[in-house]
């Protein structure tokens, strides 16, 4: 009987924990502030970007769902298009030391050069504190924050949950839609969607 109940109890605990973390970042509410160190050694504080639109992109370069968007150049194109329009784009890795997607020092610099990524900054969250704060579940998991500091979009990058590059042109890109609405001053039609990808490689 214990063998049957333990997995059930564990599942319930994990579900309640995930719900508690996710509730910290709520649509149309103030986005939780944070401070993280970037790949270049600089410290970035979210609230310093008040007055600008901000994208948070959870990333793990070893994940095939992330590879879909980087190998095709799709993510880099989004980064360039919107940073050129004044948007702050923060890529965040919450992979713990020893887990897939965790890079430091020269290895991290080499990986970023290889990816030809052009975010405003690549932030390292190896304790997973910020990932849990936002309830980030997958890579990619995307968030858009308004100039007033409110969370206005959270979810998947698009509506086709695959690792196939060929699906990108057919997909509805939710992040691009949200940003276009924000920049035009119009209402976002879909403020939340289901994220898809690899699980974030937290320490626990």
N, C-alpha and C. Protein backbone atom coordinates (compact mmCIF):
# COMPACT_ATOMS: atom_id res chain seq x y z
N UNK A 1 0.83 -1.21 0.00
CA UNK A 1 0.00 0.00 0.00
C UNK A 1 0.86 1.26 0.00
N UNK A 2 1.94 1.22 0.77
CA UNK A 2 2.85 2.37 0.82
C UNK A 2 3.45 2.66 -0.55
N UNK A 3 3.73 1.56 -1.29
CA UNK A 3 4.33 1.74 -2.61
C UNK A 3 3.37 2.46 -3.56
N UNK A 4 2.09 2.23 -3.36
CA UNK A 4 1.09 2.88 -4.21
C UNK A 4 0.91 4.33 -3.82
N UNK A 5 0.89 4.59 -2.51
CA UNK A 5 0.59 5.94 -2.02
C UNK A 5 1.74 6.91 -2.21
N UNK A 6 2.99 6.42 -2.08
CA UNK A 6 4.14 7.33 -2.14
C UNK A 6 4.23 8.09 -3.46
N UNK A 7 4.12 7.40 -4.63
CA UNK A 7 4.16 8.16 -5.88
C UNK A 7 3.03 9.18 -5.98
N UNK A 8 1.84 8.79 -5.47
CA UNK A 8 0.70 9.71 -5.53
C UNK A 8 0.97 10.94 -4.69
N UNK A 9 1.49 10.73 -3.47
CA UNK A 9 1.80 11.85 -2.58
C UNK A 9 2.87 12.74 -3.19
N UNK A 10 3.91 12.10 -3.78
CA UNK A 10 4.99 12.86 -4.40
C UNK A 10 4.46 13.71 -5.55
N UNK A 11 3.57 13.11 -6.36
CA UNK A 11 2.98 13.85 -7.48
C UNK A 11 2.19 15.04 -6.99
N UNK A 12 1.42 14.84 -5.91
CA UNK A 12 0.62 15.93 -5.35
C UNK A 12 1.51 17.05 -4.82
N UNK A 13 2.61 16.66 -4.17
CA UNK A 13 3.53 17.66 -3.62
C UNK A 13 4.19 18.46 -4.73
N UNK A 14 4.61 17.76 -5.79
CA UNK A 14 5.24 18.45 -6.92
C UNK A 14 4.25 19.39 -7.59
N UNK A 15 3.01 18.95 -7.72
CA UNK A 15 2.00 19.80 -8.35
C UNK A 15 1.72 21.04 -7.53
N UNK A 16 1.61 20.86 -6.21
CA UNK A 16 1.33 22.01 -5.35
C UNK A 16 2.51 22.97 -5.31
N UNK A 17 3.73 22.43 -5.35
CA UNK A 17 4.93 23.28 -5.36
C UNK A 17 5.00 24.08 -6.65
N UNK A 18 4.75 23.40 -7.78
CA UNK A 18 4.78 24.09 -9.07
C UNK A 18 3.74 25.20 -9.12
N UNK A 19 2.55 24.92 -8.57
CA UNK A 19 1.50 25.93 -8.57
C UNK A 19 1.89 27.13 -7.73
N UNK A 20 2.56 26.85 -6.60
CA UNK A 20 2.97 27.94 -5.71
C UNK A 20 4.00 28.83 -6.38
N UNK A 21 4.98 28.19 -7.06
CA UNK A 21 5.99 28.99 -7.76
C UNK A 21 5.35 29.79 -8.88
N UNK A 22 4.48 29.13 -9.68
CA UNK A 22 3.90 29.78 -10.84
C UNK A 22 3.06 30.99 -10.44
N UNK A 23 2.44 30.93 -9.27
CA UNK A 23 1.55 32.01 -8.85
C UNK A 23 2.32 33.30 -8.56
N UNK A 24 3.64 33.20 -8.42
CA UNK A 24 4.44 34.40 -8.14
C UNK A 24 4.53 35.32 -9.35
N UNK A 25 4.36 34.77 -10.53
CA UNK A 25 4.36 35.57 -11.76
C UNK A 25 2.97 35.46 -12.37
N UNK A 26 2.20 36.53 -12.27
CA UNK A 26 0.80 36.50 -12.68
C UNK A 26 0.54 37.52 -13.78
N UNK A 27 -0.20 37.09 -14.80
CA UNK A 27 -0.52 37.97 -15.91
C UNK A 27 -1.25 39.23 -15.43
N UNK A 28 -0.84 40.35 -15.97
CA UNK A 28 -1.38 41.68 -15.67
C UNK A 28 -1.01 42.19 -14.28
N UNK A 29 -0.15 41.45 -13.59
CA UNK A 29 0.37 41.90 -12.30
C UNK A 29 1.84 42.28 -12.48
N UNK A 30 2.40 42.92 -11.47
CA UNK A 30 3.81 43.32 -11.52
C UNK A 30 4.70 42.09 -11.65
N UNK A 31 5.61 42.12 -12.60
CA UNK A 31 6.55 41.01 -12.79
C UNK A 31 7.54 40.98 -11.63
N UNK A 32 7.80 39.81 -11.06
CA UNK A 32 8.76 39.73 -9.95
C UNK A 32 10.13 40.26 -10.34
N UNK A 33 10.69 41.10 -9.50
CA UNK A 33 12.01 41.67 -9.78
C UNK A 33 13.09 40.63 -9.49
N UNK A 34 14.23 40.76 -10.13
CA UNK A 34 15.34 39.84 -9.88
C UNK A 34 16.65 40.50 -10.28
N UNK A 35 17.72 39.90 -9.82
CA UNK A 35 19.08 40.34 -10.14
C UNK A 35 19.90 39.11 -10.50
N UNK A 36 20.54 39.13 -11.67
CA UNK A 36 21.35 38.01 -12.12
C UNK A 36 22.62 38.52 -12.79
N UNK A 37 23.64 37.66 -12.79
CA UNK A 37 24.89 37.97 -13.47
C UNK A 37 24.85 37.43 -14.89
N UNK A 38 25.34 38.21 -15.82
CA UNK A 38 25.34 37.82 -17.23
C UNK A 38 26.64 37.13 -17.61
N UNK A 39 26.65 36.59 -18.83
CA UNK A 39 27.83 35.91 -19.34
C UNK A 39 29.04 36.83 -19.39
N UNK A 40 28.80 38.14 -19.56
CA UNK A 40 29.90 39.10 -19.63
C UNK A 40 30.34 39.59 -18.25
N UNK A 41 29.74 39.03 -17.19
CA UNK A 41 30.13 39.38 -15.83
C UNK A 41 29.37 40.56 -15.24
N UNK A 42 28.58 41.23 -16.05
CA UNK A 42 27.80 42.36 -15.56
C UNK A 42 26.56 41.88 -14.81
N UNK A 43 26.08 42.71 -13.89
CA UNK A 43 24.88 42.40 -13.14
C UNK A 43 23.69 43.11 -13.76
N UNK A 44 22.61 42.38 -13.94
CA UNK A 44 21.39 42.95 -14.51
C UNK A 44 20.25 42.83 -13.51
N UNK A 45 19.50 43.93 -13.35
CA UNK A 45 18.35 43.97 -12.47
C UNK A 45 17.13 44.29 -13.33
N UNK A 46 16.11 43.46 -13.25
CA UNK A 46 14.95 43.64 -14.12
C UNK A 46 14.35 45.04 -14.00
N UNK A 47 14.19 45.53 -12.78
CA UNK A 47 13.54 46.83 -12.57
C UNK A 47 14.31 48.00 -13.17
N UNK A 48 15.58 47.78 -13.49
CA UNK A 48 16.36 48.84 -14.16
C UNK A 48 15.83 49.13 -15.57
N UNK A 49 15.06 48.18 -16.11
CA UNK A 49 14.54 48.34 -17.47
C UNK A 49 13.11 48.87 -17.49
N UNK A 50 12.65 49.40 -16.38
CA UNK A 50 11.30 49.98 -16.36
C UNK A 50 11.23 51.09 -17.41
N UNK A 51 10.13 51.11 -18.15
CA UNK A 51 9.99 52.06 -19.25
C UNK A 51 10.26 51.42 -20.60
N UNK A 52 10.70 50.15 -20.59
CA UNK A 52 10.96 49.43 -21.84
C UNK A 52 10.27 48.08 -21.80
N UNK A 53 9.95 47.57 -22.97
CA UNK A 53 9.42 46.22 -23.06
C UNK A 53 10.56 45.23 -22.83
N UNK A 54 10.28 44.14 -22.14
CA UNK A 54 11.30 43.15 -21.82
C UNK A 54 10.79 41.76 -22.18
N UNK A 55 11.64 40.97 -22.82
CA UNK A 55 11.37 39.55 -23.08
C UNK A 55 12.28 38.72 -22.20
N UNK A 56 11.72 37.71 -21.55
CA UNK A 56 12.51 36.71 -20.83
C UNK A 56 12.40 35.40 -21.61
N UNK A 57 13.53 34.86 -22.00
CA UNK A 57 13.57 33.61 -22.78
C UNK A 57 14.35 32.56 -21.99
N UNK A 58 13.66 31.52 -21.51
CA UNK A 58 14.41 30.45 -20.83
C UNK A 58 15.03 29.55 -21.89
N UNK A 59 16.32 29.29 -21.73
CA UNK A 59 17.08 28.63 -22.79
C UNK A 59 17.96 27.52 -22.25
N UNK A 60 18.14 26.50 -23.08
CA UNK A 60 19.07 25.40 -22.82
C UNK A 60 19.53 24.93 -24.19
N UNK A 61 20.75 25.25 -24.56
CA UNK A 61 21.23 24.97 -25.91
C UNK A 61 21.35 23.49 -26.24
N UNK A 62 21.22 22.62 -25.23
CA UNK A 62 21.25 21.18 -25.49
C UNK A 62 19.89 20.59 -25.77
N UNK A 63 18.85 21.39 -25.63
CA UNK A 63 17.47 20.92 -25.80
C UNK A 63 17.07 20.95 -27.28
N UNK A 64 16.52 19.85 -27.82
CA UNK A 64 16.14 19.83 -29.24
C UNK A 64 15.06 20.84 -29.61
N UNK A 65 14.20 21.21 -28.67
CA UNK A 65 13.18 22.22 -28.95
C UNK A 65 13.81 23.61 -29.08
N UNK A 66 14.85 23.84 -28.30
CA UNK A 66 15.61 25.09 -28.42
C UNK A 66 16.44 25.07 -29.70
N UNK A 67 17.02 23.92 -29.99
CA UNK A 67 17.84 23.79 -31.20
C UNK A 67 17.03 24.13 -32.45
N UNK A 68 15.76 23.72 -32.46
CA UNK A 68 14.87 24.03 -33.58
C UNK A 68 14.90 25.53 -33.91
N UNK A 69 14.84 26.35 -32.89
CA UNK A 69 14.74 27.79 -33.10
C UNK A 69 16.09 28.47 -33.31
N UNK A 70 17.17 27.85 -32.81
CA UNK A 70 18.50 28.44 -33.01
C UNK A 70 19.16 27.93 -34.29
N UNK A 71 19.01 26.64 -34.59
CA UNK A 71 19.61 26.11 -35.82
C UNK A 71 18.99 26.74 -37.06
N UNK A 72 17.72 27.10 -36.96
CA UNK A 72 17.02 27.73 -38.08
C UNK A 72 17.31 29.23 -38.18
N UNK A 73 17.83 29.80 -37.08
CA UNK A 73 18.05 31.24 -37.03
C UNK A 73 16.81 32.01 -36.60
N UNK A 74 15.75 31.28 -36.26
CA UNK A 74 14.49 31.93 -35.88
C UNK A 74 14.63 32.76 -34.61
N UNK A 75 15.26 32.19 -33.58
CA UNK A 75 15.37 32.92 -32.32
C UNK A 75 16.28 34.14 -32.47
N UNK A 76 17.39 33.96 -33.18
CA UNK A 76 18.29 35.10 -33.38
C UNK A 76 17.60 36.22 -34.16
N UNK A 77 16.76 35.84 -35.14
CA UNK A 77 16.04 36.85 -35.92
C UNK A 77 15.05 37.61 -35.05
N UNK A 78 14.37 36.90 -34.17
CA UNK A 78 13.44 37.55 -33.24
C UNK A 78 14.20 38.50 -32.32
N UNK A 79 15.32 38.02 -31.80
CA UNK A 79 16.13 38.85 -30.90
C UNK A 79 16.55 40.14 -31.59
N UNK A 80 17.04 40.02 -32.81
CA UNK A 80 17.53 41.21 -33.54
C UNK A 80 16.38 42.15 -33.90
N UNK A 81 15.30 41.59 -34.40
CA UNK A 81 14.16 42.42 -34.81
C UNK A 81 13.65 43.28 -33.67
N UNK A 82 13.49 42.66 -32.51
CA UNK A 82 12.86 43.40 -31.41
C UNK A 82 13.85 44.22 -30.58
N UNK A 83 15.09 43.78 -30.47
CA UNK A 83 16.06 44.65 -29.79
C UNK A 83 16.33 45.89 -30.64
N UNK A 84 16.28 45.74 -31.96
CA UNK A 84 16.42 46.91 -32.84
C UNK A 84 15.26 47.89 -32.66
N UNK A 85 14.13 47.37 -32.15
CA UNK A 85 12.96 48.21 -31.90
C UNK A 85 12.92 48.72 -30.46
N UNK A 86 14.01 48.48 -29.72
CA UNK A 86 14.10 49.00 -28.36
C UNK A 86 13.70 48.05 -27.26
N UNK A 87 13.35 46.82 -27.63
CA UNK A 87 12.97 45.81 -26.64
C UNK A 87 14.22 45.24 -25.97
N UNK A 88 14.15 45.01 -24.67
CA UNK A 88 15.23 44.34 -23.94
C UNK A 88 14.95 42.84 -23.98
N UNK A 89 15.93 42.07 -24.44
CA UNK A 89 15.75 40.61 -24.56
C UNK A 89 16.76 39.93 -23.63
N UNK A 90 16.25 39.26 -22.61
CA UNK A 90 17.10 38.58 -21.64
C UNK A 90 16.93 37.07 -21.77
N UNK A 91 17.98 36.40 -22.24
CA UNK A 91 17.99 34.94 -22.27
C UNK A 91 18.46 34.46 -20.91
N UNK A 92 17.78 33.48 -20.35
CA UNK A 92 18.10 33.00 -19.00
C UNK A 92 18.30 31.49 -19.00
N UNK A 93 19.42 31.05 -18.45
CA UNK A 93 19.67 29.62 -18.26
C UNK A 93 19.55 29.29 -16.78
N UNK A 94 18.59 28.41 -16.46
CA UNK A 94 18.43 27.95 -15.08
C UNK A 94 18.96 26.53 -14.92
N UNK A 95 19.78 26.07 -15.87
CA UNK A 95 20.39 24.74 -15.76
C UNK A 95 21.39 24.73 -14.61
N UNK A 96 21.27 23.75 -13.75
CA UNK A 96 22.17 23.63 -12.59
C UNK A 96 23.52 23.07 -13.02
N UNK A 97 24.57 23.31 -12.24
CA UNK A 97 25.89 22.73 -12.54
C UNK A 97 25.78 21.22 -12.71
N UNK A 98 26.39 20.72 -13.77
CA UNK A 98 26.35 19.29 -14.05
C UNK A 98 25.16 18.86 -14.87
N UNK A 99 24.23 19.77 -15.11
CA UNK A 99 23.03 19.44 -15.89
C UNK A 99 23.16 19.97 -17.32
N UNK A 100 22.38 19.39 -18.21
CA UNK A 100 22.39 19.82 -19.61
C UNK A 100 22.11 21.32 -19.72
N UNK A 101 22.91 21.99 -20.54
CA UNK A 101 22.68 23.41 -20.77
C UNK A 101 23.40 24.34 -19.82
N UNK A 102 24.18 23.78 -18.87
CA UNK A 102 24.92 24.64 -17.94
C UNK A 102 26.31 24.91 -18.51
N UNK A 103 26.62 26.20 -18.68
CA UNK A 103 27.93 26.61 -19.18
C UNK A 103 28.49 27.71 -18.29
N UNK A 104 29.80 27.75 -18.19
CA UNK A 104 30.46 28.83 -17.45
C UNK A 104 31.73 29.25 -18.19
N UNK A 105 32.22 30.44 -17.84
CA UNK A 105 33.52 30.89 -18.33
C UNK A 105 33.69 30.84 -19.83
N UNK A 106 34.85 30.32 -20.25
CA UNK A 106 35.19 30.30 -21.67
C UNK A 106 34.24 29.41 -22.47
N UNK A 107 33.78 28.32 -21.84
CA UNK A 107 32.85 27.42 -22.52
C UNK A 107 31.55 28.14 -22.86
N UNK A 108 31.09 28.98 -21.94
CA UNK A 108 29.87 29.76 -22.18
C UNK A 108 30.08 30.77 -23.30
N UNK A 109 31.21 31.47 -23.26
CA UNK A 109 31.49 32.46 -24.30
C UNK A 109 31.58 31.80 -25.68
N UNK A 110 32.20 30.62 -25.72
CA UNK A 110 32.34 29.90 -26.98
C UNK A 110 30.97 29.45 -27.50
N UNK A 111 30.11 29.00 -26.59
CA UNK A 111 28.78 28.55 -26.99
C UNK A 111 27.94 29.70 -27.54
N UNK A 112 27.99 30.84 -26.88
CA UNK A 112 27.23 32.00 -27.34
C UNK A 112 27.71 32.47 -28.72
N UNK A 113 29.03 32.42 -28.92
CA UNK A 113 29.59 32.80 -30.22
C UNK A 113 29.12 31.83 -31.30
N UNK A 114 29.11 30.55 -30.96
CA UNK A 114 28.67 29.52 -31.90
C UNK A 114 27.20 29.71 -32.28
N UNK A 115 26.38 30.06 -31.30
CA UNK A 115 24.94 30.21 -31.55
C UNK A 115 24.60 31.48 -32.32
N UNK A 116 25.53 32.45 -32.33
CA UNK A 116 25.29 33.75 -32.96
C UNK A 116 24.04 34.41 -32.38
N UNK A 117 23.86 34.19 -31.08
CA UNK A 117 22.72 34.78 -30.37
C UNK A 117 22.95 36.26 -30.16
N UNK A 118 21.87 37.05 -30.21
CA UNK A 118 22.01 38.49 -30.05
C UNK A 118 21.00 39.06 -29.04
N UNK A 119 20.86 38.41 -27.87
CA UNK A 119 19.99 39.01 -26.86
C UNK A 119 20.68 40.22 -26.24
N UNK A 120 19.94 40.97 -25.46
CA UNK A 120 20.55 42.06 -24.71
C UNK A 120 21.58 41.50 -23.74
N UNK A 121 21.23 40.38 -23.13
CA UNK A 121 22.15 39.70 -22.21
C UNK A 121 21.74 38.25 -22.05
N UNK A 122 22.73 37.40 -21.75
CA UNK A 122 22.51 36.00 -21.42
C UNK A 122 22.78 35.87 -19.93
N UNK A 123 21.75 35.58 -19.15
CA UNK A 123 21.85 35.56 -17.70
C UNK A 123 21.95 34.15 -17.15
N UNK A 124 22.78 33.99 -16.13
CA UNK A 124 23.02 32.68 -15.53
C UNK A 124 22.28 32.59 -14.20
N UNK A 125 21.37 31.61 -14.12
CA UNK A 125 20.53 31.39 -12.94
C UNK A 125 20.73 29.96 -12.46
N UNK A 126 21.98 29.59 -12.15
CA UNK A 126 22.27 28.20 -11.86
C UNK A 126 21.63 27.68 -10.58
N UNK A 127 21.21 28.56 -9.67
CA UNK A 127 20.49 28.11 -8.47
C UNK A 127 19.02 27.84 -8.79
N UNK A 128 18.56 28.36 -9.92
CA UNK A 128 17.16 28.18 -10.30
C UNK A 128 16.19 29.11 -9.60
N UNK A 129 16.70 30.04 -8.83
CA UNK A 129 15.83 30.93 -8.05
C UNK A 129 14.88 31.73 -8.93
N UNK A 130 15.41 32.32 -9.98
CA UNK A 130 14.57 33.15 -10.85
C UNK A 130 13.63 32.28 -11.68
N UNK A 131 14.12 31.15 -12.13
CA UNK A 131 13.26 30.23 -12.87
C UNK A 131 12.05 29.81 -12.05
N UNK A 132 12.28 29.47 -10.80
CA UNK A 132 11.18 29.10 -9.91
C UNK A 132 10.28 30.29 -9.63
N UNK A 133 10.88 31.47 -9.51
CA UNK A 133 10.11 32.68 -9.24
C UNK A 133 9.07 32.92 -10.33
N UNK A 134 9.46 32.61 -11.57
CA UNK A 134 8.56 32.81 -12.71
C UNK A 134 7.78 31.55 -13.08
N UNK A 135 8.07 30.45 -12.43
CA UNK A 135 7.39 29.21 -12.77
C UNK A 135 7.79 28.68 -14.13
N UNK A 136 9.04 28.95 -14.53
CA UNK A 136 9.53 28.47 -15.83
C UNK A 136 9.60 26.95 -15.82
N UNK A 137 8.93 26.32 -16.77
CA UNK A 137 8.83 24.87 -16.81
C UNK A 137 9.63 24.23 -17.93
N UNK A 138 9.75 24.94 -19.05
CA UNK A 138 10.37 24.34 -20.22
C UNK A 138 11.38 25.28 -20.86
N UNK A 139 12.18 24.69 -21.75
CA UNK A 139 13.02 25.51 -22.63
C UNK A 139 12.60 25.19 -24.06
N UNK A 140 12.12 26.22 -24.80
CA UNK A 140 11.96 27.59 -24.33
C UNK A 140 10.69 27.78 -23.50
N UNK A 141 10.69 28.77 -22.64
CA UNK A 141 9.48 29.28 -21.96
C UNK A 141 9.63 30.79 -22.02
N UNK A 142 8.63 31.46 -22.54
CA UNK A 142 8.76 32.87 -22.90
C UNK A 142 7.84 33.76 -22.08
N UNK A 143 8.34 34.95 -21.75
CA UNK A 143 7.57 35.94 -20.99
C UNK A 143 7.79 37.31 -21.62
N UNK A 144 6.75 38.13 -21.62
CA UNK A 144 6.85 39.51 -22.08
C UNK A 144 6.38 40.43 -20.96
N UNK A 145 7.16 41.46 -20.69
CA UNK A 145 6.87 42.41 -19.62
C UNK A 145 6.71 43.81 -20.22
N UNK A 146 5.68 44.52 -19.77
CA UNK A 146 5.38 45.85 -20.31
C UNK A 146 6.32 46.90 -19.74
N UNK A 147 6.36 48.10 -20.34
CA UNK A 147 7.19 49.19 -19.80
C UNK A 147 6.81 49.58 -18.37
N UNK A 148 5.56 49.27 -17.98
CA UNK A 148 5.12 49.56 -16.61
C UNK A 148 5.53 48.47 -15.63
N UNK A 149 6.18 47.42 -16.16
CA UNK A 149 6.66 46.34 -15.30
C UNK A 149 5.65 45.25 -15.06
N UNK A 150 4.58 45.21 -15.87
CA UNK A 150 3.56 44.17 -15.71
C UNK A 150 3.84 43.01 -16.66
N UNK A 151 3.54 41.80 -16.19
CA UNK A 151 3.67 40.61 -17.03
C UNK A 151 2.46 40.57 -17.97
N UNK A 152 2.71 40.62 -19.28
CA UNK A 152 1.61 40.69 -20.24
C UNK A 152 1.51 39.45 -21.13
N UNK A 153 2.54 38.61 -21.13
CA UNK A 153 2.47 37.33 -21.86
C UNK A 153 3.34 36.31 -21.14
N UNK A 154 2.84 35.07 -21.11
CA UNK A 154 3.62 33.95 -20.56
C UNK A 154 3.20 32.68 -21.27
N UNK A 155 4.19 31.91 -21.76
CA UNK A 155 3.84 30.65 -22.39
C UNK A 155 4.83 30.19 -23.44
N UNK A 156 4.31 29.51 -24.44
CA UNK A 156 5.14 28.96 -25.49
C UNK A 156 5.57 30.00 -26.50
N UNK A 157 6.57 29.65 -27.28
CA UNK A 157 7.03 30.57 -28.33
C UNK A 157 6.07 30.57 -29.51
N UNK A 158 5.46 29.40 -29.77
CA UNK A 158 4.50 29.31 -30.88
C UNK A 158 3.51 28.18 -30.61
N UNK A 159 2.69 27.88 -31.62
CA UNK A 159 1.60 26.92 -31.41
C UNK A 159 1.85 25.55 -32.00
N UNK A 160 3.04 25.29 -32.53
CA UNK A 160 3.34 23.95 -33.06
C UNK A 160 4.40 23.31 -32.18
N UNK A 161 3.98 22.33 -31.41
CA UNK A 161 4.85 21.73 -30.40
C UNK A 161 5.70 20.61 -31.01
N UNK A 162 6.72 21.00 -31.72
CA UNK A 162 7.58 20.02 -32.38
C UNK A 162 9.03 20.48 -32.33
N UNK A 163 9.92 19.60 -32.78
CA UNK A 163 11.33 19.95 -32.90
C UNK A 163 11.72 20.17 -34.37
N UNK A 164 10.73 20.21 -35.25
CA UNK A 164 10.99 20.31 -36.68
C UNK A 164 11.11 21.75 -37.15
N UNK A 165 12.23 22.06 -37.75
CA UNK A 165 12.46 23.40 -38.30
C UNK A 165 11.40 23.75 -39.35
N UNK A 166 10.97 22.74 -40.11
CA UNK A 166 9.99 22.97 -41.18
C UNK A 166 8.65 23.49 -40.65
N UNK A 167 8.40 23.32 -39.37
CA UNK A 167 7.13 23.77 -38.79
C UNK A 167 7.13 25.27 -38.47
N UNK A 168 8.30 25.88 -38.40
CA UNK A 168 8.37 27.29 -37.97
C UNK A 168 7.57 28.23 -38.87
N UNK A 169 7.70 28.14 -40.21
CA UNK A 169 6.93 29.07 -41.06
C UNK A 169 5.42 28.89 -40.94
N UNK A 170 4.99 27.70 -40.53
CA UNK A 170 3.55 27.41 -40.43
C UNK A 170 2.98 27.82 -39.08
N UNK A 171 3.85 28.11 -38.13
CA UNK A 171 3.40 28.35 -36.76
C UNK A 171 2.98 29.80 -36.52
N UNK A 172 2.10 29.97 -35.54
CA UNK A 172 1.77 31.30 -35.03
C UNK A 172 2.74 31.62 -33.92
N UNK A 173 3.56 32.63 -34.11
CA UNK A 173 4.56 32.98 -33.10
C UNK A 173 3.91 33.90 -32.06
N UNK A 174 3.65 33.34 -30.89
CA UNK A 174 2.95 34.08 -29.85
C UNK A 174 3.77 35.26 -29.30
N UNK A 175 5.07 35.09 -29.26
CA UNK A 175 5.93 36.15 -28.72
C UNK A 175 5.94 37.35 -29.67
N UNK A 176 6.08 37.07 -30.95
CA UNK A 176 6.05 38.16 -31.94
C UNK A 176 4.70 38.87 -31.92
N UNK A 177 3.62 38.09 -31.81
CA UNK A 177 2.29 38.69 -31.76
C UNK A 177 2.15 39.60 -30.54
N UNK A 178 2.61 39.10 -29.39
CA UNK A 178 2.50 39.88 -28.15
C UNK A 178 3.32 41.17 -28.25
N UNK A 179 4.53 41.06 -28.75
CA UNK A 179 5.38 42.24 -28.87
C UNK A 179 4.84 43.24 -29.88
N UNK A 180 4.32 42.74 -30.99
CA UNK A 180 3.75 43.65 -32.00
C UNK A 180 2.57 44.42 -31.42
N UNK A 181 1.74 43.72 -30.63
CA UNK A 181 0.61 44.39 -29.99
C UNK A 181 1.10 45.43 -28.99
N UNK A 182 2.09 45.06 -28.19
CA UNK A 182 2.64 45.98 -27.20
C UNK A 182 3.19 47.24 -27.86
N UNK A 183 3.96 47.05 -28.91
CA UNK A 183 4.60 48.18 -29.58
C UNK A 183 3.58 49.06 -30.31
N UNK A 184 2.46 48.44 -30.70
CA UNK A 184 1.41 49.20 -31.39
C UNK A 184 0.40 49.81 -30.42
N UNK A 185 0.51 49.41 -29.14
CA UNK A 185 -0.41 49.92 -28.14
C UNK A 185 -1.78 49.28 -28.18
N UNK A 186 -1.86 48.05 -28.71
CA UNK A 186 -3.14 47.34 -28.78
C UNK A 186 -3.15 46.16 -27.81
N UNK A 187 -4.34 45.61 -27.57
CA UNK A 187 -4.50 44.53 -26.60
C UNK A 187 -3.95 43.21 -27.16
N UNK A 188 -3.28 42.45 -26.32
CA UNK A 188 -2.77 41.13 -26.70
C UNK A 188 -3.93 40.15 -26.66
N UNK A 189 -4.14 39.40 -27.74
CA UNK A 189 -5.29 38.49 -27.80
C UNK A 189 -5.07 37.23 -26.96
N UNK A 190 -3.85 36.73 -26.92
CA UNK A 190 -3.55 35.54 -26.12
C UNK A 190 -2.43 35.88 -25.14
N UNK A 191 -2.80 36.07 -23.90
CA UNK A 191 -1.81 36.46 -22.89
C UNK A 191 -1.13 35.27 -22.23
N UNK A 192 -1.76 34.11 -22.30
CA UNK A 192 -1.15 32.89 -21.77
C UNK A 192 -1.37 31.75 -22.75
N UNK A 193 -0.34 30.95 -22.92
CA UNK A 193 -0.44 29.73 -23.72
C UNK A 193 0.37 28.65 -23.01
N UNK A 194 0.22 27.42 -23.45
CA UNK A 194 0.96 26.32 -22.84
C UNK A 194 2.39 26.30 -23.37
N UNK A 195 3.39 26.35 -22.48
CA UNK A 195 4.78 26.24 -22.95
C UNK A 195 5.07 24.81 -23.37
N UNK A 196 6.02 24.63 -24.25
CA UNK A 196 6.44 23.28 -24.62
C UNK A 196 7.94 23.26 -24.80
N UNK A 197 8.54 22.09 -24.62
CA UNK A 197 9.98 21.94 -24.77
C UNK A 197 10.53 20.96 -23.77
N UNK A 198 11.82 21.01 -23.53
CA UNK A 198 12.46 20.18 -22.51
C UNK A 198 12.18 20.79 -21.14
N UNK A 199 12.17 19.95 -20.13
CA UNK A 199 12.02 20.48 -18.77
C UNK A 199 13.25 21.31 -18.41
N UNK A 200 13.04 22.37 -17.64
CA UNK A 200 14.18 23.17 -17.17
C UNK A 200 15.01 22.29 -16.25
N UNK A 201 16.32 22.29 -16.44
CA UNK A 201 17.20 21.38 -15.70
C UNK A 201 17.63 21.97 -14.35
N UNK A 202 16.64 22.12 -13.47
CA UNK A 202 16.90 22.63 -12.13
C UNK A 202 17.73 21.65 -11.31
N UNK A 203 18.33 22.19 -10.25
CA UNK A 203 19.10 21.33 -9.34
C UNK A 203 18.19 20.32 -8.66
N UNK A 204 16.97 20.76 -8.33
CA UNK A 204 15.99 19.86 -7.70
C UNK A 204 14.58 20.35 -7.99
